[in-house]
Amino acid sequence: MRVEDPKIVGAMPDLGVQLKPGTSLAELTSLGIGGTTDLLRITKHGAIPELLKLLDAQGVPHKFVGGGSNLLVGDGELPWVVLQLVSLDPDIVLEGNFAQVDAAADLGRTVTFCAKNDLGGMEGLIGVPGTVGGALRMNAGAYGMQIGSYVREVKLYRAAARKLETLKGDQISFEYRHTSFAPDDMMLAVKLELPSKPYPEILKGIRICNEKRRASQPLGQKSAGCIFKNPPGVSAGRMIDDLGLKGLSVGDARVSDRHANFFVNAGKASAKDMLALIADVRERVEKSFGVILEYEVVVWNA
């Protein structure tokens, strides 16, 4: 999809939008998979409603992308443009136990910055790739914690109302790998309330989490994290491993040898390859265990 309408293109500078034509989504996703489209990088939160009004008026379909760490995008020329926030400067502001964080801020850097200011609680997220906005959308968590526990306020673009809104934490439902945000809502900023902890104590927790990840996850390979959610009381990775599916591949899409719920791009895998592998594994698990696995990865088919 290309943005060619003169009215939209002409309005972009005043709206603080940077147009990156013909961008490969493979370059924006941790899986290294995805077709091409125009990328609109947004530098002004307040301009989002007007930008979306222009796109809607001209019939230009769009999707929002964060850090692209939990995303599988279709191949070829994509039928929609992609909108992405540019991180504000500064992207984290602390006041007592509260951290006001831009949604485009890097999640790992946010955890580290807060830790150095004696604010803990999020140690388990240190190795989770992507942005704070992406973590919010999926209620990212690890090692017994989840980000939703610390959310006190979220600023977002509410697509259904076509306006900016601020929600209190108790207005948002946070569940396992799921929130009440609509798929087309765009996270802009979050206020977190974090417990005070001495930095050495936080650092100890961070090191323990990092050691666990290095021992069990395919770090350094192209992946989107866990492909499937864990069913209640069951490990998706354990079921896949028990079926002997580590190393199973379709083209360059492969079930990780290190963690069976991580599927990696071992070379130049296409979305078609990865989707075929996901479908195959899902079918085998259902046949053997009677469990229908739900996607944790977000799939954008072309």
C-alpha atoms as a PDB file:
ATOM      1  CA  MET A   1       0.000   0.000   0.000  1.00  0.00           C
ATOM      2  CA  ARG A   2       1.286   3.421  -0.928  1.00  0.00           C
ATOM      3  CA  VAL A   3       0.271   6.839   0.387  1.00  0.00           C
ATOM      4  CA  GLU A   4      -0.015   8.889  -2.783  1.00  0.00           C
ATOM      5  CA  ASP A   5      -2.905  11.272  -2.107  1.00  0.00           C
ATOM      6  CA  PRO A   6      -1.492  14.857  -2.245  1.00  0.00           C
ATOM      7  CA  LYS A   7      -3.748  15.984   0.603  1.00  0.00           C
ATOM      8  CA  ILE A   8      -2.329  13.374   2.974  1.00  0.00           C
ATOM      9  CA  VAL A   9       1.277  13.758   1.874  1.00  0.00           C
ATOM     10  CA  GLY A  10       1.056  17.547   2.076  1.00  0.00           C
ATOM     11  CA  ALA A  11      -0.353  17.479   5.612  1.00  0.00           C
ATOM     12  CA  MET A  12       2.324  15.162   7.026  1.00  0.00           C
ATOM     13  CA  PRO A  13       5.004  17.764   7.898  1.00  0.00           C
ATOM     14  CA  ASP A  14       2.584  19.869   9.973  1.00  0.00           C
ATOM     15  CA  LEU A  15       1.278  16.734  11.681  1.00  0.00           C
ATOM     16  CA  GLY A  16       4.787  15.642  12.587  1.00  0.00           C
ATOM     17  CA  VAL A  17       4.596  12.505  10.452  1.00  0.00           C
ATOM     18  CA  GLN A  18       7.625  11.079   8.684  1.00  0.00           C
ATOM     19  CA  LEU A  19       6.829   9.062   5.546  1.00  0.00           C
ATOM     20  CA  LYS A  20       9.093   6.070   4.856  1.00  0.00           C
ATOM     21  CA  PRO A  21       7.904   4.662   1.500  1.00  0.00           C
ATOM     22  CA  GLY A  22       8.315   1.005   0.603  1.00  0.00           C
ATOM     23  CA  THR A  23       9.467  -0.143   4.036  1.00  0.00           C
ATOM     24  CA  SER A  24      10.113  -3.848   4.555  1.00  0.00           C
ATOM     25  CA  LEU A  25       8.297  -5.128   7.638  1.00  0.00           C
ATOM     26  CA  ALA A  26      10.958  -7.842   7.828  1.00  0.00           C
ATOM     27  CA  GLU A  27      13.265  -5.064   9.034  1.00  0.00           C
ATOM     28  CA  LEU A  28      10.824  -4.015  11.783  1.00  0.00           C
ATOM     29  CA  THR A  29       9.999  -7.435  13.231  1.00  0.00           C
ATOM     30  CA  SER A  30      12.105  -9.705  15.425  1.00  0.00           C
ATOM     31  CA  LEU A  31      11.151 -12.682  13.220  1.00  0.00           C
ATOM     32  CA  GLY A  32      12.659 -10.950  10.193  1.00  0.00           C
ATOM     33  CA  ILE A  33       9.554 -11.791   8.156  1.00  0.00           C
ATOM     34  CA  GLY A  34       7.147  -9.453   6.387  1.00  0.00           C
ATOM     35  CA  GLY A  35       6.255  -7.738   3.126  1.00  0.00           C
ATOM     36  CA  THR A  36       6.545  -4.083   2.139  1.00  0.00           C
ATOM     37  CA  THR A  37       4.361  -1.038   2.623  1.00  0.00           C
ATOM     38  CA  ASP A  38       4.604   2.655   3.470  1.00  0.00           C
ATOM     39  CA  LEU A  39       5.595   3.419   7.061  1.00  0.00           C
ATOM     40  CA  LEU A  40       4.245   6.548   8.764  1.00  0.00           C
ATOM     41  CA  ARG A  41       6.311   7.489  11.823  1.00  0.00           C
ATOM     42  CA  ILE A  42       4.407   9.714  14.259  1.00  0.00           C
ATOM     43  CA  THR A  43       6.265  12.277  16.361  1.00  0.00           C
ATOM     44  CA  LYS A  44       3.253  14.136  17.835  1.00  0.00           C
ATOM     45  CA  HIS A  45       0.635  12.253  19.846  1.00  0.00           C
ATOM     46  CA  GLY A  46      -1.876  15.076  19.494  1.00  0.00           C
ATOM     47  CA  ALA A  47      -1.840  14.826  15.706  1.00  0.00           C
ATOM     48  CA  ILE A  48      -3.001  11.191  15.605  1.00  0.00           C
ATOM     49  CA  PRO A  49      -6.772  11.891  15.369  1.00  0.00           C
ATOM     50  CA  GLU A  50      -6.266  14.276  12.435  1.00  0.00           C
ATOM     51  CA  LEU A  51      -3.936  11.840  10.658  1.00  0.00           C
ATOM     52  CA  LEU A  52      -6.418   8.996  11.045  1.00  0.00           C
ATOM     53  CA  LYS A  53      -9.233  11.253   9.856  1.00  0.00           C
ATOM     54  CA  LEU A  54      -7.265  11.938   6.666  1.00  0.00           C
ATOM     55  CA  LEU A  55      -6.475   8.263   6.092  1.00  0.00           C
ATOM     56  CA  ASP A  56     -10.108   7.260   6.665  1.00  0.00           C
ATOM     57  CA  ALA A  57     -11.398   9.969   4.331  1.00  0.00           C
ATOM     58  CA  GLN A  58      -9.180   8.713   1.530  1.00  0.00           C
ATOM     59  CA  GLY A  59      -9.868   5.034   2.234  1.00  0.00           C
ATOM     60  CA  VAL A  60      -6.302   4.193   3.263  1.00  0.00           C
ATOM     61  CA  PRO A  61      -6.339   1.114   5.565  1.00  0.00           C
ATOM     62  CA  HIS A  62      -3.760   1.099   8.346  1.00  0.00           C
ATOM     63  CA  LYS A  63      -2.288  -0.874  11.235  1.00  0.00           C
ATOM     64  CA  PHE A  64      -0.249   0.177  14.273  1.00  0.00           C
ATOM     65  CA  VAL A  65       3.137  -1.394  14.951  1.00  0.00           C
ATOM     66  CA  GLY A  66       5.273  -1.121  18.077  1.00  0.00           C
ATOM     67  CA  GLY A  67       8.600  -2.880  18.370  1.00  0.00           C
ATOM     68  CA  GLY A  68       7.493  -5.775  16.161  1.00  0.00           C
ATOM     69  CA  SER A  69       8.684  -8.407  18.647  1.00  0.00           C
ATOM     70  CA  ASN A  70       5.478 -10.469  18.814  1.00  0.00           C
ATOM     71  CA  LEU A  71       4.404 -10.141  15.202  1.00  0.00           C
ATOM     72  CA  LEU A  72       4.213 -12.383  12.131  1.00  0.00           C
ATOM     73  CA  VAL A  73       3.504 -10.340   8.993  1.00  0.00           C
ATOM     74  CA  GLY A  74       2.400 -11.674   5.610  1.00  0.00           C
ATOM     75  CA  ASP A  75       4.569 -11.696   2.494  1.00  0.00           C
ATOM     76  CA  GLY A  76       4.599  -9.423  -0.554  1.00  0.00           C
ATOM     77  CA  GLU A  77       3.032  -6.006  -1.024  1.00  0.00           C
ATOM     78  CA  LEU A  78       0.851  -5.392   2.033  1.00  0.00           C
ATOM     79  CA  PRO A  79      -2.704  -4.019   1.658  1.00  0.00           C
ATOM     80  CA  TRP A  80      -2.373  -1.415   4.421  1.00  0.00           C
ATOM     81  CA  VAL A  81       0.059   1.225   5.609  1.00  0.00           C
ATOM     82  CA  VAL A  82       1.760   0.967   8.984  1.00  0.00           C
ATOM     83  CA  LEU A  83       1.811   3.631  11.694  1.00  0.00           C
ATOM     84  CA  GLN A  84       4.550   3.701  14.324  1.00  0.00           C
ATOM     85  CA  LEU A  85       5.248   6.054  17.209  1.00  0.00           C
ATOM     86  CA  VAL A  86       8.602   7.774  17.507  1.00  0.00           C
ATOM     87  CA  SER A  87       9.807   7.648  21.120  1.00  0.00           C
ATOM     88  CA  LEU A  88       9.568  10.948  22.964  1.00  0.00           C
ATOM     89  CA  ASP A  89      12.585  12.547  24.631  1.00  0.00           C
ATOM     90  CA  PRO A  90      12.709  11.934  27.535  1.00  0.00           C
ATOM     91  CA  ASP A  91      10.699   8.736  27.261  1.00  0.00           C
ATOM     92  CA  ILE A  92      10.667   8.020  31.027  1.00  0.00           C
ATOM     93  CA  VAL A  93       9.883  10.535  33.783  1.00  0.00           C
ATOM     94  CA  LEU A  94      10.017   9.488  37.435  1.00  0.00           C
ATOM     95  CA  GLU A  95       8.166  11.045  40.341  1.00  0.00           C
ATOM     96  CA  GLY A  96       8.402   9.143  43.591  1.00  0.00           C
ATOM     97  CA  ASN A  97       7.210   5.597  42.963  1.00  0.00           C
ATOM     98  CA  PHE A  98       5.515   6.572  39.705  1.00  0.00           C
ATOM     99  CA  ALA A  99       7.076   6.201  36.269  1.00  0.00           C
ATOM    100  CA  GLN A 100       5.482   7.991  33.323  1.00  0.00           C
ATOM    101  CA  VAL A 101       6.664   6.020  30.290  1.00  0.00           C
ATOM    102  CA  ASP A 102       6.216   6.630  26.574  1.00  0.00           C
ATOM    103  CA  ALA A 103       4.655   3.632  24.813  1.00  0.00           C
ATOM    104  CA  ALA A 104       7.456   3.636  22.232  1.00  0.00           C
ATOM    105  CA  ALA A 105      10.125   3.302  24.931  1.00  0.00           C
ATOM    106  CA  ASP A 106      12.209   0.127  24.867  1.00  0.00           C
ATOM    107  CA  LEU A 107      10.936  -2.279  27.521  1.00  0.00           C
ATOM    108  CA  GLY A 108      14.319  -3.554  28.662  1.00  0.00           C
ATOM    109  CA  ARG A 109      15.767  -0.057  28.935  1.00  0.00           C
ATOM    110  CA  THR A 110      12.719   1.029  30.943  1.00  0.00           C
ATOM    111  CA  VAL A 111      13.177  -1.818  33.438  1.00  0.00           C
ATOM    112  CA  THR A 112      16.884  -0.976  33.788  1.00  0.00           C
ATOM    113  CA  PHE A 113      16.300   2.781  34.142  1.00  0.00           C
ATOM    114  CA  CYS A 114      13.709   2.260  36.881  1.00  0.00           C
ATOM    115  CA  ALA A 115      15.957  -0.277  38.626  1.00  0.00           C
ATOM    116  CA  LYS A 116      18.833   2.198  38.754  1.00  0.00           C
ATOM    117  CA  ASN A 117      16.436   4.562  40.513  1.00  0.00           C
ATOM    118  CA  ASP A 118      15.523   1.891  43.086  1.00  0.00           C
ATOM    119  CA  LEU A 119      12.164   1.005  41.542  1.00  0.00           C
ATOM    120  CA  GLY A 120      11.611  -2.723  41.070  1.00  0.00           C
ATOM    121  CA  GLY A 121       8.863  -5.233  40.429  1.00  0.00           C
ATOM    122  CA  MET A 122       9.501  -5.669  36.712  1.00  0.00           C
ATOM    123  CA  GLU A 123      12.702  -7.710  36.875  1.00  0.00           C
ATOM    124  CA  GLY A 124      11.051 -10.576  34.992  1.00  0.00           C
ATOM    125  CA  LEU A 125      10.577  -8.381  31.916  1.00  0.00           C
ATOM    126  CA  ILE A 126      14.243  -7.471  31.496  1.00  0.00           C
ATOM    127  CA  GLY A 127      14.816  -9.933  28.648  1.00  0.00           C
ATOM    128  CA  VAL A 128      11.457  -9.477  26.940  1.00  0.00           C
ATOM    129  CA  PRO A 129      12.047  -7.656  23.622  1.00  0.00           C
ATOM    130  CA  GLY A 130       9.888  -4.860  22.232  1.00  0.00           C
ATOM    131  CA  THR A 131       8.305  -1.670  23.489  1.00  0.00           C
ATOM    132  CA  VAL A 132       6.388  -0.743  26.607  1.00  0.00           C
ATOM    133  CA  GLY A 133       3.264  -0.286  24.462  1.00  0.00           C
ATOM    134  CA  GLY A 134       3.532  -3.829  23.153  1.00  0.00           C
ATOM    135  CA  ALA A 135       4.011  -5.150  26.683  1.00  0.00           C
ATOM    136  CA  LEU A 136       0.873  -3.293  27.753  1.00  0.00           C
ATOM    137  CA  ARG A 137      -1.231  -4.621  24.899  1.00  0.00           C
ATOM    138  CA  MET A 138      -0.477  -8.262  25.665  1.00  0.00           C
ATOM    139  CA  ASN A 139       0.001  -7.849  29.432  1.00  0.00           C
ATOM    140  CA  ALA A 140       3.526  -9.177  29.125  1.00  0.00           C
ATOM    141  CA  GLY A 141       4.811 -11.180  32.045  1.00  0.00           C
ATOM    142  CA  ALA A 142       7.428 -13.684  33.112  1.00  0.00           C
ATOM    143  CA  TYR A 143       8.611 -15.506  36.220  1.00  0.00           C
ATOM    144  CA  GLY A 144       5.463 -14.842  38.219  1.00  0.00           C
ATOM    145  CA  MET A 145       4.856 -11.179  37.377  1.00  0.00           C
ATOM    146  CA  GLN A 146       2.944  -9.208  34.739  1.00  0.00           C
ATOM    147  CA  ILE A 147       3.082  -5.546  33.781  1.00  0.00           C
ATOM    148  CA  GLY A 148      -0.648  -5.013  34.334  1.00  0.00           C
ATOM    149  CA  SER A 149      -0.145  -5.271  38.098  1.00  0.00           C
ATOM    150  CA  TYR A 150       1.691  -1.937  38.068  1.00  0.00           C
ATOM    151  CA  VAL A 151      -0.442   0.022  35.598  1.00  0.00           C
ATOM    152  CA  ARG A 152      -2.242   3.019  37.115  1.00  0.00           C
ATOM    153  CA  GLU A 153      -3.085   4.987  33.971  1.00  0.00           C
ATOM    154  CA  VAL A 154      -2.857   4.566  30.200  1.00  0.00           C
ATOM    155  CA  LYS A 155      -3.046   7.252  27.551  1.00  0.00           C
ATOM    156  CA  LEU A 156      -4.165   5.894  24.195  1.00  0.00           C
ATOM    157  CA  TYR A 157      -5.777   6.667  20.867  1.00  0.00           C
ATOM    158  CA  ARG A 158      -9.183   4.999  21.061  1.00  0.00           C
ATOM    159  CA  ALA A 159      -9.920   3.961  17.489  1.00  0.00           C
ATOM    160  CA  ALA A 160     -13.644   3.331  18.029  1.00  0.00           C
ATOM    161  CA  ALA A 161     -14.170   6.883  19.329  1.00  0.00           C
ATOM    162  CA  ARG A 162     -11.520   8.404  17.035  1.00  0.00           C
ATOM    163  CA  LYS A 163     -10.014  10.393  19.910  1.00  0.00           C
ATOM    164  CA  LEU A 164      -7.318  10.408  22.561  1.00  0.00           C
ATOM    165  CA  GLU A 165      -8.361   9.045  25.952  1.00  0.00           C
ATOM    166  CA  THR A 166      -6.819   8.402  29.357  1.00  0.00           C
ATOM    167  CA  LEU A 167      -7.928   5.279  31.230  1.00  0.00           C
ATOM    168  CA  LYS A 168      -7.344   4.526  34.900  1.00  0.00           C
ATOM    169  CA  GLY A 169      -5.825   1.146  35.685  1.00  0.00           C
ATOM    170  CA  ASP A 170      -9.070  -0.177  37.158  1.00  0.00           C
ATOM    171  CA  GLN A 171     -10.847   0.597  33.865  1.00  0.00           C
ATOM    172  CA  ILE A 172      -8.638  -1.924  32.071  1.00  0.00           C
ATOM    173  CA  SER A 173      -8.925  -5.700  32.276  1.00  0.00           C
ATOM    174  CA  PHE A 174      -5.536  -7.415  32.544  1.00  0.00           C
ATOM    175  CA  GLU A 175      -5.547 -11.198  32.166  1.00  0.00           C
ATOM    176  CA  TYR A 176      -3.002 -13.803  31.110  1.00  0.00           C
ATOM    177  CA  ARG A 177      -1.561 -12.510  27.814  1.00  0.00           C
ATOM    178  CA  HIS A 178      -4.739 -10.527  27.213  1.00  0.00           C
ATOM    179  CA  THR A 179      -6.158  -7.060  27.887  1.00  0.00           C
ATOM    180  CA  SER A 180      -9.408  -5.229  27.217  1.00  0.00           C
ATOM    181  CA  PHE A 181      -7.795  -2.890  24.680  1.00  0.00           C
ATOM    182  CA  ALA A 182      -9.342  -3.102  21.216  1.00  0.00           C
ATOM    183  CA  PRO A 183      -7.058  -4.433  18.437  1.00  0.00           C
ATOM    184  CA  ASP A 184      -6.994  -1.024  16.735  1.00  0.00           C
ATOM    185  CA  ASP A 185      -6.331   1.031  19.890  1.00  0.00           C
ATOM    186  CA  MET A 186      -2.908   2.674  19.939  1.00  0.00           C
ATOM    187  CA  MET A 187      -0.988   2.848  23.222  1.00  0.00           C
ATOM    188  CA  LEU A 188       0.659   6.235  23.766  1.00  0.00           C
ATOM    189  CA  ALA A 189       1.921   6.346  27.352  1.00  0.00           C
ATOM    190  CA  VAL A 190       1.519   4.601  30.692  1.00  0.00           C
ATOM    191  CA  LYS A 191       1.871   5.556  34.340  1.00  0.00           C
ATOM    192  CA  LEU A 192       3.331   2.733  36.418  1.00  0.00           C
ATOM    193  CA  GLU A 193       3.471   2.549  40.206  1.00  0.00           C
ATOM    194  CA  LEU A 194       6.505   0.496  41.199  1.00  0.00           C
ATOM    195  CA  PRO A 195       7.675  -0.723  44.604  1.00  0.00           C
ATOM    196  CA  SER A 196      10.828   0.732  46.122  1.00  0.00           C
ATOM    197  CA  LYS A 197      13.749  -1.705  46.162  1.00  0.00           C
ATOM    198  CA  PRO A 198      17.504  -1.244  46.555  1.00  0.00           C
ATOM    199  CA  TYR A 199      19.243  -1.420  43.191  1.00  0.00           C
ATOM    200  CA  PRO A 200      21.580  -4.298  44.238  1.00  0.00           C
ATOM    201  CA  GLU A 201      18.535  -6.393  45.163  1.00  0.00           C
ATOM    202  CA  ILE A 202      16.829  -5.633  41.826  1.00  0.00           C
ATOM    203  CA  LEU A 203      20.063  -6.381  39.961  1.00  0.00           C
ATOM    204  CA  LYS A 204      20.276  -9.776  41.646  1.00  0.00           C
ATOM    205  CA  GLY A 205      16.751 -10.601  40.428  1.00  0.00           C
ATOM    206  CA  ILE A 206      17.579  -9.385  36.920  1.00  0.00           C
ATOM    207  CA  ARG A 207      20.655 -11.614  36.770  1.00  0.00           C
ATOM    208  CA  ILE A 208      18.647 -14.658  37.865  1.00  0.00           C
ATOM    209  CA  CYS A 209      16.035 -14.001  35.138  1.00  0.00           C
ATOM    210  CA  ASN A 210      18.743 -13.495  32.527  1.00  0.00           C
ATOM    211  CA  GLU A 211      20.414 -16.775  33.473  1.00  0.00           C
ATOM    212  CA  LYS A 212      17.102 -18.628  33.150  1.00  0.00           C
ATOM    213  CA  ARG A 213      16.514 -17.121  29.710  1.00  0.00           C
ATOM    214  CA  ARG A 214      20.001 -17.923  28.453  1.00  0.00           C
ATOM    215  CA  ALA A 215      19.543 -21.511  29.596  1.00  0.00           C
ATOM    216  CA  SER A 216      16.156 -22.069  27.972  1.00  0.00           C
ATOM    217  CA  GLN A 217      15.521 -19.651  25.087  1.00  0.00           C
ATOM    218  CA  PRO A 218      17.050 -19.278  21.600  1.00  0.00           C
ATOM    219  CA  LEU A 219      18.577 -15.860  22.225  1.00  0.00           C
ATOM    220  CA  GLY A 220      20.343 -14.404  19.209  1.00  0.00           C
ATOM    221  CA  GLN A 221      18.007 -16.125  16.744  1.00  0.00           C
ATOM    222  CA  LYS A 222      15.108 -14.540  14.893  1.00  0.00           C
ATOM    223  CA  SER A 223      11.933 -15.354  16.788  1.00  0.00           C
ATOM    224  CA  ALA A 224       8.721 -13.783  18.059  1.00  0.00           C
ATOM    225  CA  GLY A 225       8.934 -15.252  21.535  1.00  0.00           C
ATOM    226  CA  CYS A 226       6.346 -17.870  22.438  1.00  0.00           C
ATOM    227  CA  ILE A 227       4.105 -18.788  19.511  1.00  0.00           C
ATOM    228  CA  PHE A 228       1.292 -20.231  21.644  1.00  0.00           C
ATOM    229  CA  LYS A 229      -0.286 -19.287  24.955  1.00  0.00           C
ATOM    230  CA  ASN A 230      -0.042 -21.842  27.724  1.00  0.00           C
ATOM    231  CA  PRO A 231      -3.427 -23.514  28.298  1.00  0.00           C
ATOM    232  CA  PRO A 232      -4.574 -23.481  31.956  1.00  0.00           C
ATOM    233  CA  GLY A 233      -2.286 -25.717  33.980  1.00  0.00           C
ATOM    234  CA  VAL A 234      -0.364 -26.934  30.929  1.00  0.00           C
ATOM    235  CA  SER A 235       2.823 -25.890  29.141  1.00  0.00           C
ATOM    236  CA  ALA A 236       2.478 -25.510  25.362  1.00  0.00           C
ATOM    237  CA  GLY A 237       6.234 -25.925  24.993  1.00  0.00           C
ATOM    238  CA  ARG A 238       6.216 -29.121  27.046  1.00  0.00           C
ATOM    239  CA  MET A 239       3.508 -30.687  24.864  1.00  0.00           C
ATOM    240  CA  ILE A 240       5.363 -29.786  21.674  1.00  0.00           C
ATOM    241  CA  ASP A 241       8.610 -31.123  23.147  1.00  0.00           C
ATOM    242  CA  ASP A 242       6.929 -34.354  24.283  1.00  0.00           C
ATOM    243  CA  LEU A 243       5.878 -34.955  20.665  1.00  0.00           C
ATOM    244  CA  GLY A 244       9.521 -34.747  19.610  1.00  0.00           C
ATOM    245  CA  LEU A 245       8.916 -31.708  17.411  1.00  0.00           C
ATOM    246  CA  LYS A 246      12.023 -29.700  18.240  1.00  0.00           C
ATOM    247  CA  GLY A 247      13.833 -29.109  14.951  1.00  0.00           C
ATOM    248  CA  LEU A 248      10.708 -29.669  12.844  1.00  0.00           C
ATOM    249  CA  SER A 249      10.841 -27.279   9.898  1.00  0.00           C
ATOM    250  CA  VAL A 250       9.035 -25.926   6.881  1.00  0.00           C
ATOM    251  CA  GLY A 251      11.538 -24.191   4.660  1.00  0.00           C
ATOM    252  CA  ASP A 252      13.620 -21.983   6.949  1.00  0.00           C
ATOM    253  CA  ALA A 253      10.886 -21.813   9.610  1.00  0.00           C
ATOM    254  CA  ARG A 254      11.872 -24.159  12.436  1.00  0.00           C
ATOM    255  CA  VAL A 255      10.790 -25.214  15.913  1.00  0.00           C
ATOM    256  CA  SER A 256      13.656 -24.167  18.177  1.00  0.00           C
ATOM    257  CA  ASP A 257      15.972 -26.887  19.468  1.00  0.00           C
ATOM    258  CA  ARG A 258      16.230 -24.962  22.740  1.00  0.00           C
ATOM    259  CA  HIS A 259      12.585 -24.067  23.520  1.00  0.00           C
ATOM    260  CA  ALA A 260       9.768 -25.877  21.710  1.00  0.00           C
ATOM    261  CA  ASN A 261       7.335 -22.937  21.941  1.00  0.00           C
ATOM    262  CA  PHE A 262       9.800 -20.671  20.127  1.00  0.00           C
ATOM    263  CA  PHE A 263       9.742 -20.934  16.335  1.00  0.00           C
ATOM    264  CA  VAL A 264      12.747 -19.372  14.619  1.00  0.00           C
ATOM    265  CA  ASN A 265      13.566 -17.957  11.223  1.00  0.00           C
ATOM    266  CA  ALA A 266      16.684 -19.973  10.492  1.00  0.00           C
ATOM    267  CA  GLY A 267      17.478 -18.173   7.249  1.00  0.00           C
ATOM    268  CA  LYS A 268      15.039 -16.612   4.835  1.00  0.00           C
ATOM    269  CA  ALA A 269      11.743 -18.033   6.063  1.00  0.00           C
ATOM    270  CA  SER A 270       8.567 -16.653   4.514  1.00  0.00           C
ATOM    271  CA  ALA A 271       5.330 -15.994   6.360  1.00  0.00           C
ATOM    272  CA  LYS A 272       3.854 -18.867   4.350  1.00  0.00           C
ATOM    273  CA  ASP A 273       6.527 -21.205   5.739  1.00  0.00           C
ATOM    274  CA  MET A 274       6.026 -20.055   9.321  1.00  0.00           C
ATOM    275  CA  LEU A 275       2.223 -20.270   9.148  1.00  0.00           C
ATOM    276  CA  ALA A 276       2.451 -23.784   7.717  1.00  0.00           C
ATOM    277  CA  LEU A 277       4.762 -24.845  10.543  1.00  0.00           C
ATOM    278  CA  ILE A 278       2.475 -23.289  13.175  1.00  0.00           C
ATOM    279  CA  ALA A 279      -0.568 -25.036  11.688  1.00  0.00           C
ATOM    280  CA  ASP A 280       1.235 -28.388  11.571  1.00  0.00           C
ATOM    281  CA  VAL A 281       2.357 -28.217  15.208  1.00  0.00           C
ATOM    282  CA  ARG A 282      -1.051 -27.022  16.358  1.00  0.00           C
ATOM    283  CA  GLU A 283      -2.758 -29.915  14.571  1.00  0.00           C
ATOM    284  CA  ARG A 284      -0.386 -32.481  16.073  1.00  0.00           C
ATOM    285  CA  VAL A 285      -0.909 -31.152  19.598  1.00  0.00           C
ATOM    286  CA  GLU A 286      -4.675 -31.230  19.187  1.00  0.00           C
ATOM    287  CA  LYS A 287      -4.585 -34.767  17.821  1.00  0.00           C
ATOM    288  CA  SER A 288      -2.336 -36.089  20.593  1.00  0.00           C
ATOM    289  CA  PHE A 289      -3.518 -34.117  23.611  1.00  0.00           C
ATOM    290  CA  GLY A 290      -6.984 -32.856  22.648  1.00  0.00           C
ATOM    291  CA  VAL A 291      -5.835 -29.288  23.296  1.00  0.00           C
ATOM    292  CA  ILE A 292      -6.395 -26.467  20.796  1.00  0.00           C
ATOM    293  CA  LEU A 293      -3.497 -24.052  21.257  1.00  0.00           C
ATOM    294  CA  GLU A 294      -4.238 -20.331  21.075  1.00  0.00           C
ATOM    295  CA  TYR A 295      -1.841 -17.968  19.331  1.00  0.00           C
ATOM    296  CA  GLU A 296       0.301 -15.698  21.464  1.00  0.00           C
ATOM    297  CA  VAL A 297       2.022 -14.324  18.378  1.00  0.00           C
ATOM    298  CA  VAL A 298      -0.008 -11.714  16.473  1.00  0.00           C
ATOM    299  CA  VAL A 299      -0.543 -12.646  12.828  1.00  0.00           C
ATOM    300  CA  TRP A 300      -1.071 -10.038  10.118  1.00  0.00           C
ATOM    301  CA  ASN A 301      -1.920 -11.878   6.913  1.00  0.00           C
ATOM    302  CA  ALA A 302      -1.503  -9.951   3.677  1.00  0.00           C
END
